Amino acid sequence: MSIARTYTIVLEPEAEGGFSVIVPALPEVHTQGETADDALANAREAIALALEVRRDLGEEIPPDDSPRIERVTVDLDAA
Protein backbone atom coordinates (compact mmCIF):
# COMPACT_ATOMS: atom_id res chain seq x y z
CA MET A 1 0.00 0.00 0.00
CA SER A 2 1.29 3.46 -0.82
CA ILE A 3 0.57 6.81 0.75
CA ALA A 4 0.54 9.96 -1.36
CA ARG A 5 2.61 12.85 -0.04
CA THR A 6 2.55 16.40 -1.35
CA TYR A 7 5.48 18.77 -0.94
CA THR A 8 6.00 22.41 -1.80
CA ILE A 9 8.94 22.99 -4.12
CA VAL A 10 10.76 26.14 -5.20
CA LEU A 11 11.43 26.12 -8.93
CA GLU A 12 13.88 28.87 -9.82
CA PRO A 13 15.08 29.83 -13.32
CA GLU A 14 18.86 29.93 -13.61
CA ALA A 15 20.68 32.79 -15.39
CA GLU A 16 22.59 30.35 -17.60
CA GLY A 17 19.40 28.46 -18.50
CA GLY A 18 17.40 25.68 -16.96
CA PHE A 19 15.79 25.51 -13.55
CA SER A 20 16.92 24.55 -10.06
CA VAL A 21 14.63 23.02 -7.45
CA ILE A 22 14.68 22.92 -3.65
CA VAL A 23 12.17 21.35 -1.27
CA PRO A 24 11.91 23.33 2.00
CA ALA A 25 10.56 20.35 3.99
CA LEU A 26 13.39 18.10 2.71
CA PRO A 27 16.59 20.14 2.84
CA GLU A 28 18.62 17.30 1.36
CA VAL A 29 16.71 17.53 -1.92
CA HIS A 30 18.29 19.71 -4.60
CA THR A 31 17.86 19.04 -8.29
CA GLN A 32 17.60 20.78 -11.63
CA GLY A 33 16.43 20.40 -15.20
CA GLU A 34 16.84 22.00 -18.60
CA THR A 35 13.11 22.80 -18.73
CA ALA A 36 10.52 23.38 -16.02
CA ASP A 37 8.96 20.00 -16.86
CA ASP A 38 12.36 18.26 -16.58
CA ALA A 39 13.02 19.97 -13.24
CA LEU A 40 9.59 18.92 -11.91
CA ALA A 41 10.12 15.31 -13.00
CA ASN A 42 13.56 15.30 -11.37
CA ALA A 43 12.04 16.81 -8.21
CA ARG A 44 9.46 14.01 -7.98
CA GLU A 45 12.20 11.41 -8.37
CA ALA A 46 14.48 13.10 -5.81
CA ILE A 47 11.64 13.48 -3.29
CA ALA A 48 10.67 9.81 -3.65
CA LEU A 49 14.30 8.75 -3.15
CA ALA A 50 14.74 11.00 -0.10
CA LEU A 51 11.57 9.60 1.47
CA GLU A 52 12.64 6.01 0.78
CA VAL A 53 16.03 6.61 2.39
CA ARG A 54 14.43 8.24 5.45
CA ARG A 55 11.97 5.33 5.75
CA ASP A 56 14.72 2.71 5.40
CA LEU A 57 16.80 4.46 8.08
CA GLY A 58 13.78 4.65 10.40
CA GLU A 59 13.74 8.43 10.23
CA GLU A 60 10.67 10.62 10.32
CA ILE A 61 8.86 11.36 7.07
CA PRO A 62 8.19 15.06 7.52
CA PRO A 63 4.94 16.72 6.54
CA ASP A 64 5.07 19.63 4.16
CA ASP A 65 4.74 22.46 6.64
CA SER A 66 6.16 25.04 4.27
CA PRO A 67 4.48 28.41 4.22
CA ARG A 68 1.96 28.99 1.48
CA ILE A 69 3.57 30.79 -1.43
CA GLU A 70 1.49 33.05 -3.65
CA ARG A 71 2.24 35.56 -6.36
CA VAL A 72 0.57 38.96 -6.43
CA THR A 73 0.48 41.63 -9.10
CA VAL A 74 0.58 45.32 -8.24
CA ASP A 75 0.22 48.36 -10.49
CA LEU A 76 2.99 50.94 -10.37
CA ASP A 77 2.43 54.37 -11.85
CA ALA A 78 5.05 55.38 -14.41
CA ALA A 79 7.52 57.96 -13.15
C-alpha atoms as a PDB file:
ATOM      1  CA  MET A   1       0.000   0.000   0.000  1.00  0.00           C
ATOM      2  CA  SER A   2       1.290   3.458  -0.819  1.00  0.00           C
ATOM      3  CA  ILE A   3       0.566   6.812   0.754  1.00  0.00           C
ATOM      4  CA  ALA A   4       0.542   9.963  -1.359  1.00  0.00           C
ATOM      5  CA  ARG A   5       2.610  12.852  -0.036  1.00  0.00           C
ATOM      6  CA  THR A   6       2.550  16.402  -1.348  1.00  0.00           C
ATOM      7  CA  TYR A   7       5.480  18.772  -0.944  1.00  0.00           C
ATOM      8  CA  THR A   8       6.000  22.412  -1.805  1.00  0.00           C
ATOM      9  CA  ILE A   9       8.942  22.988  -4.119  1.00  0.00           C
ATOM     10  CA  VAL A  10      10.764  26.137  -5.196  1.00  0.00           C
ATOM     11  CA  LEU A  11      11.428  26.124  -8.934  1.00  0.00           C
ATOM     12  CA  GLU A  12      13.879  28.868  -9.824  1.00  0.00           C
ATOM     13  CA  PRO A  13      15.080  29.834 -13.315  1.00  0.00           C
ATOM     14  CA  GLU A  14      18.859  29.934 -13.614  1.00  0.00           C
ATOM     15  CA  ALA A  15      20.679  32.791 -15.392  1.00  0.00           C
ATOM     16  CA  GLU A  16      22.589  30.347 -17.602  1.00  0.00           C
ATOM     17  CA  GLY A  17      19.398  28.461 -18.497  1.00  0.00           C
ATOM     18  CA  GLY A  18      17.395  25.682 -16.958  1.00  0.00           C
ATOM     19  CA  PHE A  19      15.791  25.513 -13.546  1.00  0.00           C
ATOM     20  CA  SER A  20      16.924  24.553 -10.060  1.00  0.00           C
ATOM     21  CA  VAL A  21      14.635  23.023  -7.446  1.00  0.00           C
ATOM     22  CA  ILE A  22      14.682  22.916  -3.653  1.00  0.00           C
ATOM     23  CA  VAL A  23      12.174  21.351  -1.266  1.00  0.00           C
ATOM     24  CA  PRO A  24      11.911  23.332   1.996  1.00  0.00           C
ATOM     25  CA  ALA A  25      10.564  20.348   3.991  1.00  0.00           C
ATOM     26  CA  LEU A  26      13.392  18.097   2.715  1.00  0.00           C
ATOM     27  CA  PRO A  27      16.595  20.143   2.843  1.00  0.00           C
ATOM     28  CA  GLU A  28      18.621  17.296   1.356  1.00  0.00           C
ATOM     29  CA  VAL A  29      16.706  17.532  -1.924  1.00  0.00           C
ATOM     30  CA  HIS A  30      18.289  19.708  -4.603  1.00  0.00           C
ATOM     31  CA  THR A  31      17.864  19.036  -8.289  1.00  0.00           C
ATOM     32  CA  GLN A  32      17.602  20.776 -11.626  1.00  0.00           C
ATOM     33  CA  GLY A  33      16.427  20.404 -15.199  1.00  0.00           C
ATOM     34  CA  GLU A  34      16.841  22.000 -18.600  1.00  0.00           C
ATOM     35  CA  THR A  35      13.113  22.801 -18.728  1.00  0.00           C
ATOM     36  CA  ALA A  36      10.524  23.378 -16.023  1.00  0.00           C
ATOM     37  CA  ASP A  37       8.965  19.997 -16.864  1.00  0.00           C
ATOM     38  CA  ASP A  38      12.361  18.262 -16.578  1.00  0.00           C
ATOM     39  CA  ALA A  39      13.015  19.968 -13.239  1.00  0.00           C
ATOM     40  CA  LEU A  40       9.592  18.922 -11.906  1.00  0.00           C
ATOM     41  CA  ALA A  41      10.122  15.312 -13.000  1.00  0.00           C
ATOM     42  CA  ASN A  42      13.562  15.303 -11.369  1.00  0.00           C
ATOM     43  CA  ALA A  43      12.039  16.807  -8.209  1.00  0.00           C
ATOM     44  CA  ARG A  44       9.465  14.013  -7.984  1.00  0.00           C
ATOM     45  CA  GLU A  45      12.200  11.408  -8.366  1.00  0.00           C
ATOM     46  CA  ALA A  46      14.478  13.100  -5.808  1.00  0.00           C
ATOM     47  CA  ILE A  47      11.644  13.484  -3.286  1.00  0.00           C
ATOM     48  CA  ALA A  48      10.672   9.814  -3.646  1.00  0.00           C
ATOM     49  CA  LEU A  49      14.299   8.748  -3.153  1.00  0.00           C
ATOM     50  CA  ALA A  50      14.744  10.998  -0.098  1.00  0.00           C
ATOM     51  CA  LEU A  51      11.568   9.596   1.474  1.00  0.00           C
ATOM     52  CA  GLU A  52      12.641   6.005   0.779  1.00  0.00           C
ATOM     53  CA  VAL A  53      16.032   6.612   2.389  1.00  0.00           C
ATOM     54  CA  ARG A  54      14.428   8.237   5.446  1.00  0.00           C
ATOM     55  CA  ARG A  55      11.970   5.334   5.755  1.00  0.00           C
ATOM     56  CA  ASP A  56      14.722   2.714   5.404  1.00  0.00           C
ATOM     57  CA  LEU A  57      16.801   4.462   8.081  1.00  0.00           C
ATOM     58  CA  GLY A  58      13.783   4.650  10.396  1.00  0.00           C
ATOM     59  CA  GLU A  59      13.744   8.430  10.234  1.00  0.00           C
ATOM     60  CA  GLU A  60      10.672  10.624  10.324  1.00  0.00           C
ATOM     61  CA  ILE A  61       8.857  11.360   7.067  1.00  0.00           C
ATOM     62  CA  PRO A  62       8.192  15.061   7.523  1.00  0.00           C
ATOM     63  CA  PRO A  63       4.943  16.725   6.541  1.00  0.00           C
ATOM     64  CA  ASP A  64       5.066  19.631   4.159  1.00  0.00           C
ATOM     65  CA  ASP A  65       4.739  22.459   6.645  1.00  0.00           C
ATOM     66  CA  SER A  66       6.162  25.041   4.269  1.00  0.00           C
ATOM     67  CA  PRO A  67       4.476  28.408   4.222  1.00  0.00           C
ATOM     68  CA  ARG A  68       1.960  28.994   1.476  1.00  0.00           C
ATOM     69  CA  ILE A  69       3.571  30.790  -1.431  1.00  0.00           C
ATOM     70  CA  GLU A  70       1.489  33.052  -3.653  1.00  0.00           C
ATOM     71  CA  ARG A  71       2.240  35.561  -6.361  1.00  0.00           C
ATOM     72  CA  VAL A  72       0.573  38.959  -6.429  1.00  0.00           C
ATOM     73  CA  THR A  73       0.480  41.634  -9.098  1.00  0.00           C
ATOM     74  CA  VAL A  74       0.585  45.324  -8.244  1.00  0.00           C
ATOM     75  CA  ASP A  75       0.221  48.363 -10.487  1.00  0.00           C
ATOM     76  CA  LEU A  76       2.988  50.943 -10.372  1.00  0.00           C
ATOM     77  CA  ASP A  77       2.432  54.370 -11.848  1.00  0.00           C
ATOM     78  CA  ALA A  78       5.048  55.382 -14.407  1.00  0.00           C
ATOM     79  CA  ALA A  79       7.524  57.958 -13.155  1.00  0.00           C
END
